[in-house]
Structure formats: C-alpha cells, structure tokens
C-alpha cells in the first residue's frame, strides 16, 4: 500500500510542479517522499453497522476526535498520508463511505447515492462511536458530505475542513456557476454515464478523472495499480450518475447560519469548477479561512501531503 501511494504521489507531484525550477522540484519531491515512506504499510480495519449496512474504518490515536471523509472513486486509503501524522495529536477516524471499498453495498437504481445519505451515515457514525463532537475533514464529495452534516447536526461538529467540496448547487443561479455546471455535465457526467451504461468502467473513470483534475491525459499517466484502486470504487459514481439523485440541495441561508470554524482549501492548479464553489463559500460562511494549496490540483492531500497536513494542523491547533 505504501508503494502504491508513493507511486501515485510521484505522478501527481511531477505534473503539479511542471512549471517549477527543476532543482527545487527534486529537493521538494525527495523530502515529501521521505515523509511518505515513514507511514506504516497498513492500518487495522474495524467494522461498524450504520443504517443497516457494514462500514469499514480506521480508528487510531488519542485526543480530540478527527474524522477524515474521502471523495468519489476513493476510500479510507485516500488519507494514507494523513492518518498517522494526525494520530500523534488526535483520535483519527478514517472510514470508507457507503459503496466504497472494502464495503459491500451493491449497485442498484433504487438506492440513494446522494450527499444527503452520506451525511446521515456520518452523523450515525459519530453517534455510534459516542463522539460528542468532532473535527470533520472532507475532500470533494466528502467535503459535500461534511458540510451537509454540519448543517443538519451542528452540535456534532467542532470544526470543518473543506477541501474543494463538490457543492455545485451553491453556485447555481449565477451566470458563471450555471456555465460551469453545464460544462461539467456535458464534458464529464454525461459521457461517464454513457460509458458506465455500456460497462466501460475504465473509460468512465478516465473521463471523470480528466474532468476533475483538469487534464485529459491524467488517467493515462498514472500506474495501473492506481487505476485499479479507482476502479474498486466506482459504485457510488456509477449509481449517482445514472440515477441523477445525488445532488443534495443546500441553500445559501443554511450555509450563512453555520458559524462553526471552517478552513477552505483550494488547489493552485484546480479547475475553475471547484474554485467557483470555494469562492462562493468564502462569501457565505461567517467564520472561514481560505488557503491555496501550492503544487496541487483537485488531488490536494495526495498531491501535496506535507503542506496540506501543515495547513490543517495549524488550523486545528487554533480551533
């Protein structure tokens, strides 16, 4: 597992640093890889029943509880380079959301793939683990999930870290927002949906990755081991794209009333789709901070784990 994430990071880091001085890139890459190599190979998985289904999770460390929530085509392993670093100061919980590996929820057109369902699962996880409140760190669809959880259950949330949350409904209604939503529907969601319907999962994931990372050849550049990991986690995306029920409404006034300390993180090289969502949240959230993560696109914590970890730890220390 360590080798898999090291390989992935090298590929991502090289792409993100393509415009930097070569000598500086080599030094930064070496120091980052050294940090990654200190992470253990595996974490012991625990299981818990939530809303009638079995979920797998990691639970290590002592201190204030901190929950990592991964994005689409991912699972708890998306936080491989965060778990042990944060466990030195916090009780860290990283779980695989509904439909993610190694959970066994099936693909069905009758199931709920929405961020709202994931938020219900997260709230139940916090309650079943007897956590009075926790720091929630979410990336992409995981960011959507933790934001919805904070709106529905503010009493369960100590602070929020939102890494480019895919909360597209918040920017709907503006000229730029509607244009960006239309573009991602036409260039990513509709083509990927067609590929899924034709059982061409590899092409579907390649289309999705190209769209969210802003690079048409991104998928082809990563090793097959990484693609296999993504392909283990297509159930949520496939079900959500086909059923079209995954965009849980979040109203602007709900966000404006959320006073929990919130860190917003945007990748330096991320597509404008995510930048517009972040810009919208900056204007709505009454208690927020914004950080730009250098040398990163939408992959954030995988692409630049050292600076991501530093940003989040600093924020948590102050909140």
Protein backbone atom coordinates (compact mmCIF):
# COMPACT_ATOMS: atom_id res chain seq x y z
CA UNK A 1 0.00 0.00 0.00
CA UNK A 2 2.80 2.41 0.84
CA UNK A 3 4.38 1.79 -2.55
CA UNK A 4 1.06 2.39 -4.29
CA UNK A 5 0.58 5.79 -2.73
CA UNK A 6 4.22 6.69 -3.25
CA UNK A 7 3.90 5.93 -6.96
CA UNK A 8 0.68 7.91 -7.16
CA UNK A 9 2.26 10.86 -5.42
CA UNK A 10 5.27 10.91 -7.73
CA UNK A 11 2.98 11.06 -10.75
CA UNK A 12 0.77 13.77 -9.27
CA UNK A 13 3.63 15.81 -7.87
CA UNK A 14 5.53 15.80 -11.14
CA UNK A 15 2.51 17.08 -13.04
CA UNK A 16 1.75 19.79 -10.50
CA UNK A 17 5.36 21.01 -10.44
CA UNK A 18 5.86 21.09 -14.20
CA UNK A 19 6.44 24.85 -14.24
CA UNK A 20 8.87 24.98 -11.30
CA UNK A 21 12.65 25.11 -11.27
CA UNK A 22 14.00 21.58 -11.80
CA UNK A 23 16.43 21.67 -8.86
CA UNK A 24 13.75 22.88 -6.45
CA UNK A 25 11.36 20.19 -7.69
CA UNK A 26 13.89 17.42 -7.00
CA UNK A 27 14.52 18.66 -3.45
CA UNK A 28 10.82 19.06 -2.67
CA UNK A 29 9.97 15.67 -4.16
CA UNK A 30 12.72 13.94 -2.14
CA UNK A 31 11.63 15.50 1.16
CA UNK A 32 7.99 14.63 0.51
CA UNK A 33 8.77 11.03 -0.42
CA UNK A 34 10.84 10.65 2.74
CA UNK A 35 7.83 11.77 4.76
CA UNK A 36 5.53 9.36 2.94
CA UNK A 37 7.92 6.46 3.46
CA UNK A 38 7.68 6.91 7.21
CA UNK A 39 4.00 5.97 7.08
CA UNK A 40 3.23 2.36 8.05
CA UNK A 41 2.07 -0.06 5.37
CA UNK A 42 -1.30 -0.90 6.84
CA UNK A 43 -3.88 0.10 9.41
CA UNK A 44 -6.15 -2.30 11.24
CA UNK A 45 -9.70 -2.04 9.93
CA UNK A 46 -12.68 -2.10 12.24
CA UNK A 47 -16.31 -2.56 11.27
CA UNK A 48 -19.49 -0.87 12.40
CA UNK A 49 -23.15 -1.16 11.42
CA UNK A 50 -24.68 2.12 10.28
CA UNK A 51 -28.22 2.47 8.98
CA UNK A 52 -28.37 -1.26 8.25
CA UNK A 53 -25.03 -1.58 6.44
CA UNK A 54 -21.49 -2.53 7.45
CA UNK A 55 -18.82 0.16 7.16
CA UNK A 56 -15.05 -0.26 7.46
CA UNK A 57 -12.93 2.30 9.27
CA UNK A 58 -9.60 3.04 10.92
CA UNK A 59 -9.59 4.38 14.48
CA UNK A 60 -6.20 5.26 16.00
CA UNK A 61 -4.63 7.87 18.25
CA UNK A 62 -5.83 9.73 21.32
CA UNK A 63 -7.17 13.21 21.85
CA UNK A 64 -9.94 15.23 20.27
CA UNK A 65 -11.70 13.17 17.59
CA UNK A 66 -10.98 13.99 13.94
CA UNK A 67 -12.83 12.29 11.09
CA UNK A 68 -11.49 12.11 7.51
CA UNK A 69 -14.11 11.78 4.76
CA UNK A 70 -12.88 10.83 1.28
CA UNK A 71 -14.17 11.86 -2.14
CA UNK A 72 -15.54 9.94 -5.14
CA UNK A 73 -13.75 6.88 -6.62
CA UNK A 74 -11.84 6.66 -3.34
CA UNK A 75 -11.97 5.06 0.10
CA UNK A 76 -10.32 5.46 3.50
CA UNK A 77 -6.92 4.93 1.85
CA UNK A 78 -7.18 8.41 0.31
CA UNK A 79 -5.91 9.62 3.72
CA UNK A 80 -2.92 7.26 3.90
CA UNK A 81 -0.53 10.20 4.18
CA UNK A 82 -2.56 11.93 6.89
CA UNK A 83 -3.69 9.21 9.29
CA UNK A 84 -0.50 8.69 11.31
CA UNK A 85 0.61 12.31 11.19
CA UNK A 86 -2.65 13.47 12.74
CA UNK A 87 -2.91 10.48 15.10
CA UNK A 88 0.08 11.84 17.01
CA UNK A 89 -2.21 14.61 18.33
CA UNK A 90 -5.78 13.49 17.67
CA UNK A 91 -8.02 10.44 17.73
CA UNK A 92 -8.19 9.83 13.98
CA UNK A 93 -11.09 8.07 12.29
CA UNK A 94 -10.92 7.45 8.54
CA UNK A 95 -13.81 5.46 7.13
CA UNK A 96 -14.92 4.21 3.74
CA UNK A 97 -18.19 5.86 2.85
CA UNK A 98 -21.22 3.88 1.71
CA UNK A 99 -20.45 2.00 -1.56
CA UNK A 100 -16.66 2.43 -1.16
CA UNK A 101 -14.09 -0.38 -0.85
CA UNK A 102 -13.99 -2.64 1.13
CA UNK A 103 -17.66 -2.12 1.99
CA UNK A 104 -20.09 -4.36 0.13
CA UNK A 105 -23.12 -2.21 -0.67
CA UNK A 106 -24.37 -3.17 -4.15
CA UNK A 107 -25.13 -1.09 -7.21
CA UNK A 108 -28.88 -0.60 -7.57
CA UNK A 109 -31.09 2.04 -9.16
CA UNK A 110 -33.29 2.00 -6.04
CA UNK A 111 -30.54 3.14 -3.66
CA UNK A 112 -29.65 6.65 -2.50
CA UNK A 113 -26.26 7.89 -3.71
CA UNK A 114 -26.70 11.48 -2.56
CA UNK A 115 -24.51 13.56 -0.29
CA UNK A 116 -27.54 13.71 1.99
CA UNK A 117 -27.40 9.95 2.52
CA UNK A 118 -23.68 10.12 3.22
CA UNK A 119 -24.33 12.91 5.74
CA UNK A 120 -26.87 10.71 7.54
CA UNK A 121 -24.30 7.91 7.64
CA UNK A 122 -21.63 10.23 9.04
CA UNK A 123 -23.94 11.56 11.75
CA UNK A 124 -24.76 7.99 12.78
CA UNK A 125 -21.07 7.07 12.79
CA UNK A 126 -20.31 9.93 15.17
CA UNK A 127 -23.18 8.94 17.45
CA UNK A 128 -22.38 5.22 17.45
CA UNK A 129 -18.78 5.97 18.37
CA UNK A 130 -20.09 8.13 21.25
CA UNK A 131 -18.36 11.26 19.96
CA UNK A 132 -19.91 14.38 21.42
CA UNK A 133 -18.36 16.40 18.61
CA UNK A 134 -15.51 16.00 16.14
CA UNK A 135 -13.35 17.90 13.70
CA UNK A 136 -14.51 16.91 10.21
CA UNK A 137 -12.10 16.95 7.26
CA UNK A 138 -13.70 16.28 3.88
CA UNK A 139 -12.38 16.23 0.33
CA UNK A 140 -14.55 16.74 -2.78
CA UNK A 141 -17.71 14.64 -2.30
CA UNK A 142 -16.51 14.08 1.24
CA UNK A 143 -16.47 17.86 1.66
CA UNK A 144 -20.05 17.99 0.42
CA UNK A 145 -20.86 15.29 2.98
CA UNK A 146 -19.31 17.03 5.99
CA UNK A 147 -20.85 20.39 5.07
CA UNK A 148 -24.32 18.81 4.93
CA UNK A 149 -23.62 17.03 8.23
CA UNK A 150 -22.64 20.31 9.88
CA UNK A 151 -25.83 21.98 8.62
CA UNK A 152 -28.05 19.15 9.87
CA UNK A 153 -26.14 18.44 13.11
CA UNK A 154 -24.05 21.46 14.14
CA UNK A 155 -23.86 20.05 17.66
CA UNK A 156 -21.70 17.19 16.36
CA UNK A 157 -19.10 19.40 14.69
CA UNK A 158 -16.13 21.10 16.38
CA UNK A 159 -14.66 22.48 13.15
CA UNK A 160 -14.74 21.89 9.40
CA UNK A 161 -12.01 21.49 6.80
CA UNK A 162 -13.45 21.59 3.29
CA UNK A 163 -11.06 20.55 0.53
CA UNK A 164 -12.75 21.66 -2.69
CA UNK A 165 -16.21 20.37 -1.72
CA UNK A 166 -18.28 19.48 -4.79
CA UNK A 167 -21.30 21.50 -3.66
CA UNK A 168 -22.39 22.56 -7.14
CA UNK A 169 -25.93 23.63 -6.08
CA UNK A 170 -24.45 26.57 -4.15
CA UNK A 171 -23.18 28.25 -7.32
CA UNK A 172 -26.29 27.53 -9.38
CA UNK A 173 -28.17 30.66 -10.41
CA UNK A 174 -25.11 32.77 -11.20
CA UNK A 175 -24.00 33.18 -14.81
CA UNK A 176 -20.57 31.68 -14.21
CA UNK A 177 -21.89 28.97 -11.90
CA UNK A 178 -24.53 27.80 -14.36
CA UNK A 179 -21.95 27.77 -17.15
CA UNK A 180 -19.53 25.67 -15.10
CA UNK A 181 -22.26 23.22 -14.08
CA UNK A 182 -23.39 22.87 -17.69
CA UNK A 183 -19.82 22.30 -18.81
CA UNK A 184 -19.08 19.56 -16.28
CA UNK A 185 -22.40 17.89 -17.09
CA UNK A 186 -21.63 17.88 -20.81
CA UNK A 187 -17.94 17.00 -20.67
CA UNK A 188 -17.77 14.73 -17.61
CA UNK A 189 -21.04 13.43 -16.17
CA UNK A 190 -22.97 12.64 -19.35
CA UNK A 191 -20.04 10.93 -21.15
CA UNK A 192 -19.09 8.99 -17.99
CA UNK A 193 -22.73 7.95 -17.52
CA UNK A 194 -22.77 6.61 -21.08
CA UNK A 195 -19.57 4.64 -20.50
CA UNK A 196 -20.94 3.18 -17.25
CA UNK A 197 -24.16 2.13 -19.02
CA UNK A 198 -22.02 0.34 -21.61
CA UNK A 199 -20.00 -1.39 -18.86
CA UNK A 200 -16.88 0.53 -19.93
CA UNK A 201 -15.77 1.41 -16.41
CA UNK A 202 -12.19 2.19 -17.37
CA UNK A 203 -13.35 4.81 -19.89
CA UNK A 204 -15.88 6.19 -17.40
CA UNK A 205 -13.24 6.67 -14.70
CA UNK A 206 -10.77 8.15 -17.20
CA UNK A 207 -13.40 10.70 -18.25
CA UNK A 208 -14.23 11.55 -14.65
CA UNK A 209 -10.58 11.93 -13.61
CA UNK A 210 -9.80 14.13 -16.62
CA UNK A 211 -12.66 16.44 -15.71
CA UNK A 212 -11.98 16.87 -12.01
CA UNK A 213 -8.20 17.11 -12.43
CA UNK A 214 -8.33 19.40 -15.47
CA UNK A 215 -6.02 17.20 -17.55
CA UNK A 216 -7.12 14.99 -20.46
CA UNK A 217 -4.12 12.66 -20.17
CA UNK A 218 -4.08 12.45 -16.36
CA UNK A 219 -5.57 8.96 -16.21
CA UNK A 220 -3.16 7.52 -18.77
CA UNK A 221 -0.13 8.78 -16.83
CA UNK A 222 -0.82 7.03 -13.54
CA UNK A 223 0.27 3.41 -12.97
CA UNK A 224 -2.24 0.60 -13.46
CA UNK A 225 -2.16 -0.09 -9.70
CA UNK A 226 -3.65 3.34 -9.10
CA UNK A 227 -6.29 2.87 -11.78
CA UNK A 228 -7.21 -0.44 -10.16
CA UNK A 229 -7.77 1.34 -6.86
CA UNK A 230 -10.06 3.85 -8.55
CA UNK A 231 -11.90 1.05 -10.35
CA UNK A 232 -12.57 -0.61 -6.99
CA UNK A 233 -14.62 2.45 -6.08
CA UNK A 234 -16.97 3.14 -8.98
CA UNK A 235 -20.26 2.05 -7.40
CA UNK A 236 -21.16 5.45 -5.92
CA UNK A 237 -20.30 7.42 -9.04
CA UNK A 238 -21.99 4.96 -11.38
CA UNK A 239 -25.14 4.83 -9.28
CA UNK A 240 -25.26 8.57 -8.77
CA UNK A 241 -24.66 9.44 -12.41
CA UNK A 242 -27.30 7.02 -13.67
CA UNK A 243 -29.95 7.78 -11.02
CA UNK A 244 -29.33 11.56 -11.13
CA UNK A 245 -30.38 11.83 -7.47
CA UNK A 246 -27.02 12.63 -5.92
CA UNK A 247 -27.10 16.46 -5.82
CA UNK A 248 -28.48 17.13 -2.35
CA UNK A 249 -29.87 20.69 -2.16
CA UNK A 250 -28.05 23.07 0.19
CA UNK A 251 -29.48 26.57 0.49
CA UNK A 252 -27.29 29.64 0.83
CA UNK A 253 -29.08 30.70 4.01
CA UNK A 254 -28.24 27.33 5.60
CA UNK A 255 -24.56 27.96 4.97
CA UNK A 256 -24.79 31.56 6.20
CA UNK A 257 -26.16 30.32 9.54
CA UNK A 258 -23.29 27.87 10.05
CA UNK A 259 -20.88 29.51 12.48
CA UNK A 260 -18.50 26.59 13.01
CA UNK A 261 -14.82 27.43 12.36
CA UNK A 262 -14.12 26.37 8.77
CA UNK A 263 -10.93 26.03 6.74
CA UNK A 264 -11.41 26.14 2.97
CA UNK A 265 -8.63 24.64 0.83
CA UNK A 266 -8.27 25.22 -2.90
CA UNK A 267 -5.62 23.65 -5.14
CA UNK A 268 -3.33 26.02 -7.01
CA UNK A 269 -3.95 24.21 -10.30
CA UNK A 270 -7.53 23.03 -9.77
CA UNK A 271 -10.28 23.50 -12.39
CA UNK A 272 -12.38 26.64 -12.07
CA UNK A 273 -15.43 24.50 -11.20
CA UNK A 274 -14.01 23.92 -7.73
CA UNK A 275 -12.58 27.43 -7.46
CA UNK A 276 -16.02 28.96 -8.01
CA UNK A 277 -17.52 26.77 -5.30
CA UNK A 278 -14.78 27.83 -2.88
CA UNK A 279 -15.26 31.50 -3.80
CA UNK A 280 -18.99 31.14 -3.10
CA UNK A 281 -18.36 29.54 0.29
CA UNK A 282 -15.95 32.33 1.23
CA UNK A 283 -18.77 34.84 0.80
CA UNK A 284 -21.33 32.73 2.68
CA UNK A 285 -19.59 31.14 5.67
CA UNK A 286 -19.36 33.63 8.55
CA UNK A 287 -16.32 32.02 10.20
CA UNK A 288 -13.97 30.82 7.47
CA UNK A 289 -10.32 30.89 6.44
CA UNK A 290 -9.05 30.26 2.91
CA UNK A 291 -5.79 28.55 1.98
CA UNK A 292 -4.39 27.91 -1.50
CA UNK A 293 -2.50 24.61 -1.61
CA UNK A 294 0.53 25.04 -3.89
CA UNK A 295 1.66 22.42 -6.41
CA UNK A 296 -1.73 20.71 -6.31
CA UNK A 297 -4.83 20.23 -8.40
CA UNK A 298 -8.01 18.59 -7.11
CA UNK A 299 -5.99 15.72 -5.58
CA UNK A 300 -4.97 18.05 -2.69
CA UNK A 301 -3.90 15.81 0.22
CA UNK A 302 -2.41 13.17 -2.10
CA UNK A 303 -0.61 15.63 -4.37
CA UNK A 304 0.97 17.78 -1.67
CA UNK A 305 0.54 15.99 1.67
CA UNK A 306 3.21 17.86 3.63
CA UNK A 307 1.78 21.33 3.05
CA UNK A 308 -1.79 20.05 3.29
CA UNK A 309 -1.05 18.49 6.67
CA UNK A 310 0.69 21.64 7.87
CA UNK A 311 -2.26 23.85 6.88
CA UNK A 312 -4.82 21.64 8.58
CA UNK A 313 -2.78 21.07 11.75
CA UNK A 314 -2.23 24.80 12.14
CA UNK A 315 -5.95 25.45 11.73
CA UNK A 316 -6.90 22.73 14.22
CA UNK A 317 -4.38 23.99 16.76
CA UNK A 318 -6.19 27.32 16.71
CA UNK A 319 -9.69 25.87 16.82
